[in-house]
Amino acid sequence: MSNRKPTICRLNLRISPDEQNQIKYFVATYPDKWTSANEFVRTAIENYIVFLNRDYHLPAPQQERVNQLVDAMIVLSGRVGALEEVLTSSFGELMRVTRGDSYLLDYCNGEDGEL
């Protein structure tokens, strides 16, 4: 008797009739990719593990688009920060004008007090 470990293990799997029909459909539609339902399920399991590990590779156009979206988000973040500064500054100046402490009111000191 040999002490070699088996390279393939058997697994019993329960699936719905719809899932079984889908597996049969894809095996029949793509015979060059899968020769049996077992091979299809093994490939599906491998792909799902790769997906969960986030170890998949994106094609070049998709990767370029993702990079473009990341760059756009960085630019947008900078613009939102600048807008926040302008809004904060404007609101602060409006509060100072309301209190009468603003440098904008010093411009009208010699006149009748109207802006």
PDB file of N, CA and C in Angstrom:
ATOM      1  N   MET A   1       0.816  -1.183   0.000  1.00  0.00           N
ATOM      2  CA  MET A   1       0.000   0.000   0.000  1.00  0.00           C
ATOM      3  C   MET A   1       0.860   1.245   0.000  1.00  0.00           C
ATOM      4  N   SER A   2       0.446   2.182  -0.711  1.00  0.00           N
ATOM      5  CA  SER A   2       1.169   3.441  -0.810  1.00  0.00           C
ATOM      6  C   SER A   2       0.616   4.427   0.208  1.00  0.00           C
ATOM      7  N   ASN A   3       1.478   5.280   0.747  1.00  0.00           N
ATOM      8  CA  ASN A   3       1.075   6.301   1.716  1.00  0.00           C
ATOM      9  C   ASN A   3       0.853   7.656   1.056  1.00  0.00           C
ATOM     10  N   ARG A   4       0.613   7.651  -0.229  1.00  0.00           N
ATOM     11  CA  ARG A   4       0.395   8.925  -0.939  1.00  0.00           C
ATOM     12  C   ARG A   4      -0.960   9.501  -0.590  1.00  0.00           C
ATOM     13  N   LYS A   5      -0.993  10.819  -0.443  1.00  0.00           N
ATOM     14  CA  LYS A   5      -2.254  11.504  -0.189  1.00  0.00           C
ATOM     15  C   LYS A   5      -3.006  11.652  -1.517  1.00  0.00           C
ATOM     16  N   PRO A   6      -4.310  11.527  -1.493  1.00  0.00           N
ATOM     17  CA  PRO A   6      -5.049  11.719  -2.741  1.00  0.00           C
ATOM     18  C   PRO A   6      -4.985  13.175  -3.178  1.00  0.00           C
ATOM     19  N   THR A   7      -4.917  13.395  -4.480  1.00  0.00           N
ATOM     20  CA  THR A   7      -4.853  14.760  -4.991  1.00  0.00           C
ATOM     21  C   THR A   7      -6.241  15.372  -5.134  1.00  0.00           C
ATOM     22  N   ILE A   8      -7.268  14.536  -5.109  1.00  0.00           N
ATOM     23  CA  ILE A   8      -8.640  15.027  -5.225  1.00  0.00           C
ATOM     24  C   ILE A   8      -9.471  14.391  -4.114  1.00  0.00           C
ATOM     25  N   CYS A   9     -10.274  15.195  -3.462  1.00  0.00           N
ATOM     26  CA  CYS A   9     -11.153  14.715  -2.400  1.00  0.00           C
ATOM     27  C   CYS A   9     -12.602  14.789  -2.883  1.00  0.00           C
ATOM     28  N   ARG A  10     -13.396  13.894  -2.387  1.00  0.00           N
ATOM     29  CA  ARG A  10     -14.808  13.868  -2.757  1.00  0.00           C
ATOM     30  C   ARG A  10     -15.600  14.743  -1.785  1.00  0.00           C
ATOM     31  N   LEU A  11     -16.571  15.474  -2.342  1.00  0.00           N
ATOM     32  CA  LEU A  11     -17.420  16.347  -1.546  1.00  0.00           C
ATOM     33  C   LEU A  11     -18.856  16.162  -2.022  1.00  0.00           C
ATOM     34  N   ASN A  12     -19.744  15.908  -1.099  1.00  0.00           N
ATOM     35  CA  ASN A  12     -21.164  15.843  -1.437  1.00  0.00           C
ATOM     36  C   ASN A  12     -21.746  17.234  -1.321  1.00  0.00           C
ATOM     37  N   LEU A  13     -22.530  17.624  -2.308  1.00  0.00           N
ATOM     38  CA  LEU A  13     -23.029  18.986  -2.383  1.00  0.00           C
ATOM     39  C   LEU A  13     -24.523  18.960  -2.649  1.00  0.00           C
ATOM     40  N   ARG A  14     -25.270  19.731  -1.892  1.00  0.00           N
ATOM     41  CA  ARG A  14     -26.710  19.847  -2.118  1.00  0.00           C
ATOM     42  C   ARG A  14     -26.992  21.217  -2.735  1.00  0.00           C
ATOM     43  N   ILE A  15     -27.640  21.197  -3.882  1.00  0.00           N
ATOM     44  CA  ILE A  15     -28.006  22.436  -4.570  1.00  0.00           C
ATOM     45  C   ILE A  15     -29.455  22.320  -5.031  1.00  0.00           C
ATOM     46  N   SER A  16     -30.043  23.453  -5.336  1.00  0.00           N
ATOM     47  CA  SER A  16     -31.431  23.467  -5.804  1.00  0.00           C
ATOM     48  C   SER A  16     -31.480  23.004  -7.261  1.00  0.00           C
ATOM     49  N   PRO A  17     -32.637  22.586  -7.729  1.00  0.00           N
ATOM     50  CA  PRO A  17     -32.768  22.201  -9.141  1.00  0.00           C
ATOM     51  C   PRO A  17     -32.422  23.345 -10.098  1.00  0.00           C
ATOM     52  N   ASP A  18     -32.761  24.584  -9.712  1.00  0.00           N
ATOM     53  CA  ASP A  18     -32.404  25.732 -10.564  1.00  0.00           C
ATOM     54  C   ASP A  18     -30.896  25.879 -10.688  1.00  0.00           C
ATOM     55  N   GLU A  19     -30.189  25.733  -9.576  1.00  0.00           N
ATOM     56  CA  GLU A  19     -28.724  25.824  -9.621  1.00  0.00           C
ATOM     57  C   GLU A  19     -28.142  24.697 -10.462  1.00  0.00           C
ATOM     58  N   GLN A  20     -28.709  23.504 -10.338  1.00  0.00           N
ATOM     59  CA  GLN A  20     -28.233  22.384 -11.145  1.00  0.00           C
ATOM     60  C   GLN A  20     -28.464  22.663 -12.630  1.00  0.00           C
ATOM     61  N   ASN A  21     -29.604  23.225 -12.967  1.00  0.00           N
ATOM     62  CA  ASN A  21     -29.885  23.558 -14.364  1.00  0.00           C
ATOM     63  C   ASN A  21     -28.937  24.631 -14.889  1.00  0.00           C
ATOM     64  N   GLN A  22     -28.607  25.589 -14.044  1.00  0.00           N
ATOM     65  CA  GLN A  22     -27.653  26.626 -14.456  1.00  0.00           C
ATOM     66  C   GLN A  22     -26.270  26.028 -14.702  1.00  0.00           C
ATOM     67  N   ILE A  23     -25.846  25.134 -13.829  1.00  0.00           N
ATOM     68  CA  ILE A  23     -24.546  24.482 -14.010  1.00  0.00           C
ATOM     69  C   ILE A  23     -24.548  23.685 -15.306  1.00  0.00           C
ATOM     70  N   LYS A  24     -25.596  22.917 -15.551  1.00  0.00           N
ATOM     71  CA  LYS A  24     -25.698  22.130 -16.788  1.00  0.00           C
ATOM     72  C   LYS A  24     -25.674  23.045 -18.014  1.00  0.00           C
ATOM     73  N   TYR A  25     -26.379  24.164 -17.922  1.00  0.00           N
ATOM     74  CA  TYR A  25     -26.415  25.119 -19.039  1.00  0.00           C
ATOM     75  C   TYR A  25     -25.017  25.644 -19.367  1.00  0.00           C
ATOM     76  N   PHE A  26     -24.282  26.084 -18.341  1.00  0.00           N
ATOM     77  CA  PHE A  26     -22.966  26.658 -18.589  1.00  0.00           C
ATOM     78  C   PHE A  26     -21.962  25.604 -19.056  1.00  0.00           C
ATOM     79  N   VAL A  27     -22.060  24.400 -18.542  1.00  0.00           N
ATOM     80  CA  VAL A  27     -21.172  23.329 -19.002  1.00  0.00           C
ATOM     81  C   VAL A  27     -21.457  23.012 -20.465  1.00  0.00           C
ATOM     82  N   ALA A  28     -22.736  23.002 -20.843  1.00  0.00           N
ATOM     83  CA  ALA A  28     -23.097  22.723 -22.233  1.00  0.00           C
ATOM     84  C   ALA A  28     -22.751  23.896 -23.152  1.00  0.00           C
ATOM     85  N   THR A  29     -22.887  25.127 -22.648  1.00  0.00           N
ATOM     86  CA  THR A  29     -22.627  26.311 -23.466  1.00  0.00           C
ATOM     87  C   THR A  29     -21.134  26.529 -23.696  1.00  0.00           C
ATOM     88  N   TYR A  30     -20.313  26.211 -22.715  1.00  0.00           N
ATOM     89  CA  TYR A  30     -18.863  26.423 -22.812  1.00  0.00           C
ATOM     90  C   TYR A  30     -18.117  25.108 -22.620  1.00  0.00           C
ATOM     91  N   PRO A  31     -18.216  24.182 -23.567  1.00  0.00           N
ATOM     92  CA  PRO A  31     -17.552  22.889 -23.393  1.00  0.00           C
ATOM     93  C   PRO A  31     -16.030  22.983 -23.446  1.00  0.00           C
ATOM     94  N   ASP A  32     -15.513  24.067 -24.008  1.00  0.00           N
ATOM     95  CA  ASP A  32     -14.058  24.238 -24.042  1.00  0.00           C
ATOM     96  C   ASP A  32     -13.501  24.668 -22.683  1.00  0.00           C
ATOM     97  N   LYS A  33     -14.342  25.204 -21.799  1.00  0.00           N
ATOM     98  CA  LYS A  33     -13.889  25.620 -20.471  1.00  0.00           C
ATOM     99  C   LYS A  33     -14.092  24.523 -19.425  1.00  0.00           C
ATOM    100  N   TRP A  34     -15.257  23.865 -19.482  1.00  0.00           N
ATOM    101  CA  TRP A  34     -15.576  22.841 -18.479  1.00  0.00           C
ATOM    102  C   TRP A  34     -16.095  21.596 -19.181  1.00  0.00           C
ATOM    103  N   THR A  35     -15.602  20.456 -18.753  1.00  0.00           N
ATOM    104  CA  THR A  35     -16.063  19.207 -19.351  1.00  0.00           C
ATOM    105  C   THR A  35     -17.113  18.517 -18.493  1.00  0.00           C
ATOM    106  N   SER A  36     -17.270  18.980 -17.246  1.00  0.00           N
ATOM    107  CA  SER A  36     -18.248  18.353 -16.363  1.00  0.00           C
ATOM    108  C   SER A  36     -18.724  19.360 -15.321  1.00  0.00           C
ATOM    109  N   ALA A  37     -19.799  18.996 -14.638  1.00  0.00           N
ATOM    110  CA  ALA A  37     -20.312  19.840 -13.561  1.00  0.00           C
ATOM    111  C   ALA A  37     -19.303  19.930 -12.427  1.00  0.00           C
ATOM    112  N   ASN A  38     -18.590  18.836 -12.156  1.00  0.00           N
ATOM    113  CA  ASN A  38     -17.567  18.859 -11.100  1.00  0.00           C
ATOM    114  C   ASN A  38     -16.479  19.874 -11.407  1.00  0.00           C
ATOM    115  N   GLU A  39     -16.041  19.911 -12.652  1.00  0.00           N
ATOM    116  CA  GLU A  39     -15.002  20.861 -13.033  1.00  0.00           C
ATOM    117  C   GLU A  39     -15.520  22.298 -12.926  1.00  0.00           C
ATOM    118  N   PHE A  40     -16.772  22.506 -13.306  1.00  0.00           N
ATOM    119  CA  PHE A  40     -17.377  23.829 -13.188  1.00  0.00           C
ATOM    120  C   PHE A  40     -17.423  24.281 -11.730  1.00  0.00           C
ATOM    121  N   VAL A  41     -17.858  23.410 -10.824  1.00  0.00           N
ATOM    122  CA  VAL A  41     -17.960  23.758  -9.405  1.00  0.00           C
ATOM    123  C   VAL A  41     -16.570  24.021  -8.820  1.00  0.00           C
ATOM    124  N   ARG A  42     -15.578  23.201  -9.189  1.00  0.00           N
ATOM    125  CA  ARG A  42     -14.207  23.443  -8.697  1.00  0.00           C
ATOM    126  C   ARG A  42     -13.712  24.811  -9.156  1.00  0.00           C
ATOM    127  N   THR A  43     -13.955  25.151 -10.413  1.00  0.00           N
ATOM    128  CA  THR A  43     -13.528  26.449 -10.934  1.00  0.00           C
ATOM    129  C   THR A  43     -14.270  27.583 -10.225  1.00  0.00           C
ATOM    130  N   ALA A  44     -15.552  27.382  -9.981  1.00  0.00           N
ATOM    131  CA  ALA A  44     -16.336  28.406  -9.281  1.00  0.00           C
ATOM    132  C   ALA A  44     -15.800  28.633  -7.869  1.00  0.00           C
ATOM    133  N   ILE A  45     -15.438  27.565  -7.192  1.00  0.00           N
ATOM    134  CA  ILE A  45     -14.886  27.674  -5.839  1.00  0.00           C
ATOM    135  C   ILE A  45     -13.549  28.405  -5.868  1.00  0.00           C
ATOM    136  N   GLU A  46     -12.681  28.037  -6.809  1.00  0.00           N
ATOM    137  CA  GLU A  46     -11.379  28.716  -6.936  1.00  0.00           C
ATOM    138  C   GLU A  46     -11.562  30.205  -7.187  1.00  0.00           C
ATOM    139  N   ASN A  47     -12.477  30.557  -8.109  1.00  0.00           N
ATOM    140  CA  ASN A  47     -12.713  31.971  -8.423  1.00  0.00           C
ATOM    141  C   ASN A  47     -13.288  32.722  -7.231  1.00  0.00           C
ATOM    142  N   TYR A  48     -14.144  32.099  -6.466  1.00  0.00           N
ATOM    143  CA  TYR A  48     -14.718  32.763  -5.295  1.00  0.00           C
ATOM    144  C   TYR A  48     -13.661  32.993  -4.219  1.00  0.00           C
ATOM    145  N   ILE A  49     -12.767  32.048  -4.044  1.00  0.00           N
ATOM    146  CA  ILE A  49     -11.681  32.225  -3.070  1.00  0.00           C
ATOM    147  C   ILE A  49     -10.770  33.369  -3.496  1.00  0.00           C
ATOM    148  N   VAL A  50     -10.465  33.445  -4.791  1.00  0.00           N
ATOM    149  CA  VAL A  50      -9.649  34.550  -5.310  1.00  0.00           C
ATOM    150  C   VAL A  50     -10.370  35.876  -5.068  1.00  0.00           C
ATOM    151  N   PHE A  51     -11.675  35.900  -5.299  1.00  0.00           N
ATOM    152  CA  PHE A  51     -12.468  37.110  -5.084  1.00  0.00           C
ATOM    153  C   PHE A  51     -12.444  37.528  -3.617  1.00  0.00           C
ATOM    154  N   LEU A  52     -12.634  36.568  -2.704  1.00  0.00           N
ATOM    155  CA  LEU A  52     -12.634  36.891  -1.276  1.00  0.00           C
ATOM    156  C   LEU A  52     -11.278  37.390  -0.800  1.00  0.00           C
ATOM    157  N   ASN A  53     -10.219  36.857  -1.384  1.00  0.00           N
ATOM    158  CA  ASN A  53      -8.861  37.294  -1.017  1.00  0.00           C
ATOM    159  C   ASN A  53      -8.463  38.592  -1.716  1.00  0.00           C
ATOM    160  N   ARG A  54      -9.325  39.090  -2.578  1.00  0.00           N
ATOM    161  CA  ARG A  54      -9.050  40.301  -3.381  1.00  0.00           C
ATOM    162  C   ARG A  54      -7.733  40.159  -4.135  1.00  0.00           C
ATOM    163  N   ASP A  55      -7.540  38.984  -4.695  1.00  0.00           N
ATOM    164  CA  ASP A  55      -6.291  38.682  -5.391  1.00  0.00           C
ATOM    165  C   ASP A  55      -6.508  38.605  -6.902  1.00  0.00           C
ATOM    166  N   TYR A  56      -7.547  39.233  -7.391  1.00  0.00           N
ATOM    167  CA  TYR A  56      -7.854  39.150  -8.808  1.00  0.00           C
ATOM    168  C   TYR A  56      -7.179  40.299  -9.551  1.00  0.00           C
ATOM    169  N   HIS A  57      -6.977  40.099 -10.830  1.00  0.00           N
ATOM    170  CA  HIS A  57      -6.317  41.097 -11.666  1.00  0.00           C
ATOM    171  C   HIS A  57      -7.350  41.736 -12.579  1.00  0.00           C
ATOM    172  N   LEU A  58      -7.315  43.044 -12.655  1.00  0.00           N
ATOM    173  CA  LEU A  58      -8.215  43.758 -13.537  1.00  0.00           C
ATOM    174  C   LEU A  58      -7.551  43.933 -14.897  1.00  0.00           C
ATOM    175  N   PRO A  59      -8.315  43.839 -15.967  1.00  0.00           N
ATOM    176  CA  PRO A  59      -7.748  44.133 -17.281  1.00  0.00           C
ATOM    177  C   PRO A  59      -7.293  45.591 -17.342  1.00  0.00           C
ATOM    178  N   ALA A  60      -6.401  45.886 -18.247  1.00  0.00           N
ATOM    179  CA  ALA A  60      -5.785  47.215 -18.337  1.00  0.00           C
ATOM    180  C   ALA A  60      -6.804  48.350 -18.451  1.00  0.00           C
ATOM    181  N   PRO A  61      -7.821  48.280 -19.312  1.00  0.00           N
ATOM    182  CA  PRO A  61      -8.762  49.415 -19.389  1.00  0.00           C
ATOM    183  C   PRO A  61      -9.530  49.631 -18.087  1.00  0.00           C
ATOM    184  N   GLN A  62      -9.885  48.560 -17.411  1.00  0.00           N
ATOM    185  CA  GLN A  62     -10.598  48.718 -16.141  1.00  0.00           C
ATOM    186  C   GLN A  62      -9.685  49.315 -15.080  1.00  0.00           C
ATOM    187  N   GLN A  63      -8.445  48.896 -15.056  1.00  0.00           N
ATOM    188  CA  GLN A  63      -7.496  49.440 -14.092  1.00  0.00           C
ATOM    189  C   GLN A  63      -7.255  50.916 -14.355  1.00  0.00           C
ATOM    190  N   GLU A  64      -7.162  51.298 -15.636  1.00  0.00           N
ATOM    191  CA  GLU A  64      -6.980  52.707 -15.968  1.00  0.00           C
ATOM    192  C   GLU A  64      -8.182  53.532 -15.511  1.00  0.00           C
ATOM    193  N   ARG A  65      -9.380  52.986 -15.685  1.00  0.00           N
ATOM    194  CA  ARG A  65     -10.581  53.707 -15.264  1.00  0.00           C
ATOM    195  C   ARG A  65     -10.634  53.862 -13.751  1.00  0.00           C
ATOM    196  N   VAL A  66     -10.256  52.816 -13.024  1.00  0.00           N
ATOM    197  CA  VAL A  66     -10.221  52.904 -11.564  1.00  0.00           C
ATOM    198  C   VAL A  66      -9.219  53.974 -11.136  1.00  0.00           C
ATOM    199  N   ASN A  67      -8.044  53.992 -11.770  1.00  0.00           N
ATOM    200  CA  ASN A  67      -7.042  55.010 -11.439  1.00  0.00           C
ATOM    201  C   ASN A  67      -7.556  56.413 -11.756  1.00  0.00           C
ATOM    202  N   GLN A  68      -8.276  56.548 -12.870  1.00  0.00           N
ATOM    203  CA  GLN A  68      -8.847  57.834 -13.235  1.00  0.00           C
ATOM    204  C   GLN A  68      -9.872  58.293 -12.199  1.00  0.00           C
ATOM    205  N   LEU A  69     -10.698  57.380 -11.731  1.00  0.00           N
ATOM    206  CA  LEU A  69     -11.688  57.729 -10.714  1.00  0.00           C
ATOM    207  C   LEU A  69     -11.031  58.103  -9.395  1.00  0.00           C
ATOM    208  N   VAL A  70      -9.960  57.417  -9.024  1.00  0.00           N
ATOM    209  CA  VAL A  70      -9.241  57.754  -7.798  1.00  0.00           C
ATOM    210  C   VAL A  70      -8.635  59.150  -7.908  1.00  0.00           C
ATOM    211  N   ASP A  71      -8.029  59.455  -9.060  1.00  0.00           N
ATOM    212  CA  ASP A  71      -7.463  60.795  -9.257  1.00  0.00           C
ATOM    213  C   ASP A  71      -8.547  61.866  -9.191  1.00  0.00           C
ATOM    214  N   ALA A  72      -9.697  61.584  -9.790  1.00  0.00           N
ATOM    215  CA  ALA A  72     -10.799  62.549  -9.755  1.00  0.00           C
ATOM    216  C   ALA A  72     -11.280  62.771  -8.328  1.00  0.00           C
ATOM    217  N   MET A  73     -11.307  61.732  -7.526  1.00  0.00           N
ATOM    218  CA  MET A  73     -11.722  61.880  -6.129  1.00  0.00           C
ATOM    219  C   MET A  73     -10.717  62.721  -5.347  1.00  0.00           C
ATOM    220  N   ILE A  74      -9.448  62.560  -5.633  1.00  0.00           N
ATOM    221  CA  ILE A  74      -8.422  63.364  -4.953  1.00  0.00           C
ATOM    222  C   ILE A  74      -8.593  64.840  -5.299  1.00  0.00           C
ATOM    223  N   VAL A  75      -8.817  65.150  -6.593  1.00  0.00           N
ATOM    224  CA  VAL A  75      -9.034  66.536  -7.014  1.00  0.00           C
ATOM    225  C   VAL A  75     -10.300  67.097  -6.378  1.00  0.00           C
ATOM    226  N   LEU A  76     -11.357  66.302  -6.376  1.00  0.00           N
ATOM    227  CA  LEU A  76     -12.618  66.732  -5.783  1.00  0.00           C
ATOM    228  C   LEU A  76     -12.457  67.009  -4.290  1.00  0.00           C
ATOM    229  N   SER A  77     -11.684  66.188  -3.624  1.00  0.00           N
ATOM    230  CA  SER A  77     -11.435  66.389  -2.198  1.00  0.00           C
ATOM    231  C   SER A  77     -10.741  67.722  -1.960  1.00  0.00           C
ATOM    232  N   GLY A  78      -9.762  68.061  -2.800  1.00  0.00           N
ATOM    233  CA  GLY A  78      -9.072  69.351  -2.677  1.00  0.00           C
ATOM    234  C   GLY A  78     -10.008  70.517  -2.903  1.00  0.00           C
ATOM    235  N   ARG A  79     -10.897  70.369  -3.889  1.00  0.00           N
ATOM    236  CA  ARG A  79     -11.843  71.447  -4.181  1.00  0.00           C
ATOM    237  C   ARG A  79     -12.849  71.624  -3.045  1.00  0.00           C
ATOM    238  N   VAL A  80     -13.286  70.549  -2.470  1.00  0.00           N
ATOM    239  CA  VAL A  80     -14.219  70.637  -1.345  1.00  0.00           C
ATOM    240  C   VAL A  80     -13.529  71.304  -0.160  1.00  0.00           C
ATOM    241  N   GLY A  81     -12.241  70.981   0.052  1.00  0.00           N
ATOM    242  CA  GLY A  81     -11.490  71.625   1.133  1.00  0.00           C
ATOM    243  C   GLY A  81     -11.367  73.121   0.916  1.00  0.00           C
ATOM    244  N   ALA A  82     -11.094  73.530  -0.335  1.00  0.00           N
ATOM    245  CA  ALA A  82     -10.994  74.964  -0.638  1.00  0.00           C
ATOM    246  C   ALA A  82     -12.342  75.648  -0.452  1.00  0.00           C
ATOM    247  N   LEU A  83     -13.409  74.990  -0.882  1.00  0.00           N
ATOM    248  CA  LEU A  83     -14.745  75.550  -0.709  1.00  0.00           C
ATOM    249  C   LEU A  83     -15.094  75.692   0.772  1.00  0.00           C
ATOM    250  N   GLU A  84     -14.673  74.736   1.560  1.00  0.00           N
ATOM    251  CA  GLU A  84     -14.908  74.804   3.002  1.00  0.00           C
ATOM    252  C   GLU A  84     -14.193  76.008   3.616  1.00  0.00           C
ATOM    253  N   GLU A  85     -12.952  76.245   3.187  1.00  0.00           N
ATOM    254  CA  GLU A  85     -12.200  77.394   3.702  1.00  0.00           C
ATOM    255  C   GLU A  85     -12.883  78.708   3.330  1.00  0.00           C
ATOM    256  N   VAL A  86     -13.342  78.815   2.077  1.00  0.00           N
ATOM    257  CA  VAL A  86     -14.014  80.040   1.636  1.00  0.00           C
ATOM    258  C   VAL A  86     -15.299  80.253   2.429  1.00  0.00           C
ATOM    259  N   LEU A  87     -16.056  79.197   2.600  1.00  0.00           N
ATOM    260  CA  LEU A  87     -17.312  79.305   3.335  1.00  0.00           C
ATOM    261  C   LEU A  87     -17.074  79.687   4.793  1.00  0.00           C
ATOM    262  N   THR A  88     -16.102  79.076   5.438  1.00  0.00           N
ATOM    263  CA  THR A  88     -15.783  79.392   6.828  1.00  0.00           C
ATOM    264  C   THR A  88     -15.309  80.837   6.956  1.00  0.00           C
ATOM    265  N   SER A  89     -14.460  81.260   6.048  1.00  0.00           N
ATOM    266  CA  SER A  89     -13.946  82.625   6.070  1.00  0.00           C
ATOM    267  C   SER A  89     -15.076  83.640   5.851  1.00  0.00           C
ATOM    268  N   SER A  90     -15.933  83.353   4.875  1.00  0.00           N
ATOM    269  CA  SER A  90     -17.045  84.267   4.581  1.00  0.00           C
ATOM    270  C   SER A  90     -18.014  84.355   5.751  1.00  0.00           C
ATOM    271  N   PHE A  91     -18.318  83.232   6.355  1.00  0.00           N
ATOM    272  CA  PHE A  91     -19.228  83.236   7.492  1.00  0.00           C
ATOM    273  C   PHE A  91     -18.612  84.000   8.670  1.00  0.00           C
ATOM    274  N   GLY A  92     -17.318  83.808   8.909  1.00  0.00           N
ATOM    275  CA  GLY A  92     -16.640  84.537   9.979  1.00  0.00           C
ATOM    276  C   GLY A  92     -16.660  86.036   9.734  1.00  0.00           C
ATOM    277  N   GLU A  93     -16.422  86.437   8.488  1.00  0.00           N
ATOM    278  CA  GLU A  93     -16.441  87.860   8.158  1.00  0.00           C
ATOM    279  C   GLU A  93     -17.847  88.437   8.301  1.00  0.00           C
ATOM    280  N   LEU A  94     -18.859  87.667   7.922  1.00  0.00           N
ATOM    281  CA  LEU A  94     -20.242  88.109   8.090  1.00  0.00           C
ATOM    282  C   LEU A  94     -20.564  88.304   9.569  1.00  0.00           C
ATOM    283  N   MET A  95     -20.073  87.429  10.414  1.00  0.00           N
ATOM    284  CA  MET A  95     -20.296  87.572  11.857  1.00  0.00           C
ATOM    285  C   MET A  95     -19.590  88.815  12.386  1.00  0.00           C
ATOM    286  N   ARG A  96     -18.377  89.091  11.896  1.00  0.00           N
ATOM    287  CA  ARG A  96     -17.656  90.291  12.346  1.00  0.00           C
ATOM    288  C   ARG A  96     -18.364  91.560  11.879  1.00  0.00           C
ATOM    289  N   VAL A  97     -18.901  91.561  10.666  1.00  0.00           N
ATOM    290  CA  VAL A  97     -19.646  92.725  10.175  1.00  0.00           C
ATOM    291  C   VAL A  97     -20.880  92.941  11.034  1.00  0.00           C
ATOM    292  N   THR A  98     -21.552  91.866  11.397  1.00  0.00           N
ATOM    293  CA  THR A  98     -22.754  91.965  12.218  1.00  0.00           C
ATOM    294  C   THR A  98     -22.438  92.550  13.594  1.00  0.00           C
ATOM    295  N   ARG A  99     -21.272  92.170  14.164  1.00  0.00           N
ATOM    296  CA  ARG A  99     -20.871  92.693  15.469  1.00  0.00           C
ATOM    297  C   ARG A  99     -20.290  94.094  15.365  1.00  0.00           C
ATOM    298  N   GLY A 100     -19.853  94.503  14.189  1.00  0.00           N
ATOM    299  CA  GLY A 100     -19.255  95.826  14.011  1.00  0.00           C
ATOM    300  C   GLY A 100     -17.748  95.808  14.143  1.00  0.00           C
ATOM    301  N   ASP A 101     -17.089  94.637  14.146  1.00  0.00           N
ATOM    302  CA  ASP A 101     -15.635  94.542  14.313  1.00  0.00           C
ATOM    303  C   ASP A 101     -14.892  94.401  12.986  1.00  0.00           C
ATOM    304  N   SER A 102     -15.537  94.455  11.882  1.00  0.00           N
ATOM    305  CA  SER A 102     -14.902  94.098  10.617  1.00  0.00           C
ATOM    306  C   SER A 102     -14.062  95.230  10.061  1.00  0.00           C
ATOM    307  N   TYR A 103     -12.995  94.849   9.358  1.00  0.00           N
ATOM    308  CA  TYR A 103     -12.178  95.847   8.665  1.00  0.00           C
ATOM    309  C   TYR A 103     -12.980  96.468   7.515  1.00  0.00           C
ATOM    310  N   LEU A 104     -14.024  95.788   7.083  1.00  0.00           N
ATOM    311  CA  LEU A 104     -14.847  96.337   6.013  1.00  0.00           C
ATOM    312  C   LEU A 104     -15.619  97.563   6.487  1.00  0.00           C
ATOM    313  N   LEU A 105     -15.928  97.635   7.766  1.00  0.00           N
ATOM    314  CA  LEU A 105     -16.638  98.790   8.306  1.00  0.00           C
ATOM    315  C   LEU A 105     -15.707  99.972   8.513  1.00  0.00           C
ATOM    316  N   ASP A 106     -14.395  99.753   8.700  1.00  0.00           N
ATOM    317  CA  ASP A 106     -13.433 100.835   8.885  1.00  0.00           C
ATOM    318  C   ASP A 106     -13.350 101.715   7.645  1.00  0.00           C
ATOM    319  N   TYR A 107     -13.674 101.179   6.508  1.00  0.00           N
ATOM    320  CA  TYR A 107     -13.591 101.915   5.252  1.00  0.00           C
ATOM    321  C   TYR A 107     -14.616 103.052   5.210  1.00  0.00           C
ATOM    322  N   CYS A 108     -15.688 102.892   5.939  1.00  0.00           N
ATOM    323  CA  CYS A 108     -16.775 103.874   5.901  1.00  0.00           C
ATOM    324  C   CYS A 108     -16.806 104.771   7.120  1.00  0.00           C
ATOM    325  N   ASN A 109     -15.733 104.908   7.893  1.00  0.00           N
ATOM    326  CA  ASN A 109     -15.757 105.668   9.140  1.00  0.00           C
ATOM    327  C   ASN A 109     -16.099 107.155   8.958  1.00  0.00           C
ATOM    328  N   GLY A 110     -15.639 107.761   7.923  1.00  0.00           N
ATOM    329  CA  GLY A 110     -15.870 109.184   7.753  1.00  0.00           C
ATOM    330  C   GLY A 110     -17.233 109.488   7.167  1.00  0.00           C
ATOM    331  N   GLU A 111     -17.980 108.509   6.807  1.00  0.00           N
ATOM    332  CA  GLU A 111     -19.262 108.757   6.172  1.00  0.00           C
ATOM    333  C   GLU A 111     -20.383 108.570   7.179  1.00  0.00           C
ATOM    334  N   ASP A 112     -21.590 108.454   6.690  1.00  0.00           N
ATOM    335  CA  ASP A 112     -22.760 108.405   7.565  1.00  0.00           C
ATOM    336  C   ASP A 112     -23.024 107.002   8.138  1.00  0.00           C
ATOM    337  N   GLY A 113     -22.169 106.067   7.924  1.00  0.00           N
ATOM    338  CA  GLY A 113     -22.302 104.743   8.528  1.00  0.00           C
ATOM    339  C   GLY A 113     -22.949 103.719   7.624  1.00  0.00           C
ATOM    340  N   GLU A 114     -23.442 104.123   6.495  1.00  0.00           N
ATOM    341  CA  GLU A 114     -24.026 103.155   5.585  1.00  0.00           C
ATOM    342  C   GLU A 114     -22.923 102.542   4.734  1.00  0.00           C
ATOM    343  N   LEU A 115     -23.153 101.279   4.364  1.00  0.00           N
ATOM    344  CA  LEU A 115     -22.137 100.616   3.526  1.00  0.00           C
ATOM    345  C   LEU A 115     -22.216 101.052   2.132  1.00  0.00           C
TER     346      LEU A 115
END
